Amino acid sequence: MAREGAWDAKAACAGREEPVPACLRMWLWRVPGLFVVNKPAGVSSFGAIRHARKELGIRKIGHAGTLDPLAEGVLVLGVGKATKLLASLEGADKSYRATLRLGVRTDTYDSTGRVTEERDPGGVTEEALLDALASFRGEIEQVPPMFSAIKKDGETLYKLARKGIEVERPSRRVTIPRLELVEFASPVATIDLDCSKGTYVRSLVDDIGRALGVGAHMTALVRTRVGPFGIDMARSLGELL
């Protein structure tokens, strides 16, 4: 059930997904096959896989790109021998709707983290926010967050971060062809974006906050598309078959 007043992503994105190629469409909603899941917030990607294993009665299940527990939205699962099809989606572009709060930075760059800095965002105008967003469109260099599954010298970054250790991370080149302001009611803003593989929306939000000089962190995230699979075609856990 949708939260009262929550954005209805499935309705808003209806008909906007890219055409699903026949070679993938023939595998949808079957075992073995592909399942487009609308992962709820509060559940990890692996937690969604555990649920699907019980529901579908099969252990061999993979996914086409992790979603943080805070995030909700499209998670494409490959079931049985269809896990081989997930490779065709590894480099797929993705679309998101993110909510951010100006004036507060956290160590995880989202609302699950510890507050590291607070500033008054009252002077940030909508025009300034639009200018900041424009500066992140196109091809950019992005530094991944410490709280991530990336490995440095064989150790996962988030494990180091939990010990209070911060290490230098090389920047990555990512592409954000679309970045739009949906709503702004200071200190909260909502943005829509399309992005390439490897883009961290949390890092983008933190970068936007730093560009504005007041800091920011992400408070909600909905993945609305993975490649050709839009959220309007996704099914909830428990309703996969």
Foldseek 3Di string as FASTA:
>chain_A
DDDVPDDPLLVVCPPVFADDDPVQVVFALDVQGKAWAFADAQAWPVSLLVLVCVVVVANDKDWLDTDGNQATATIMMGHDPSVVVSVVQNWWKWKKKFKKFWFWAFLQLAPVGDTDGGDDPVVDDPVNLVVLQVVQAFKDWFFDHLCDQDDDPRHGSNVCVVVVDDDDGGTDIKHKNDWAWDDDDPRMTMIMTIITPPDDVSRVQQSSNVSSVRGMGIYYMYTQDRHRDGRNRHDYRVPSD
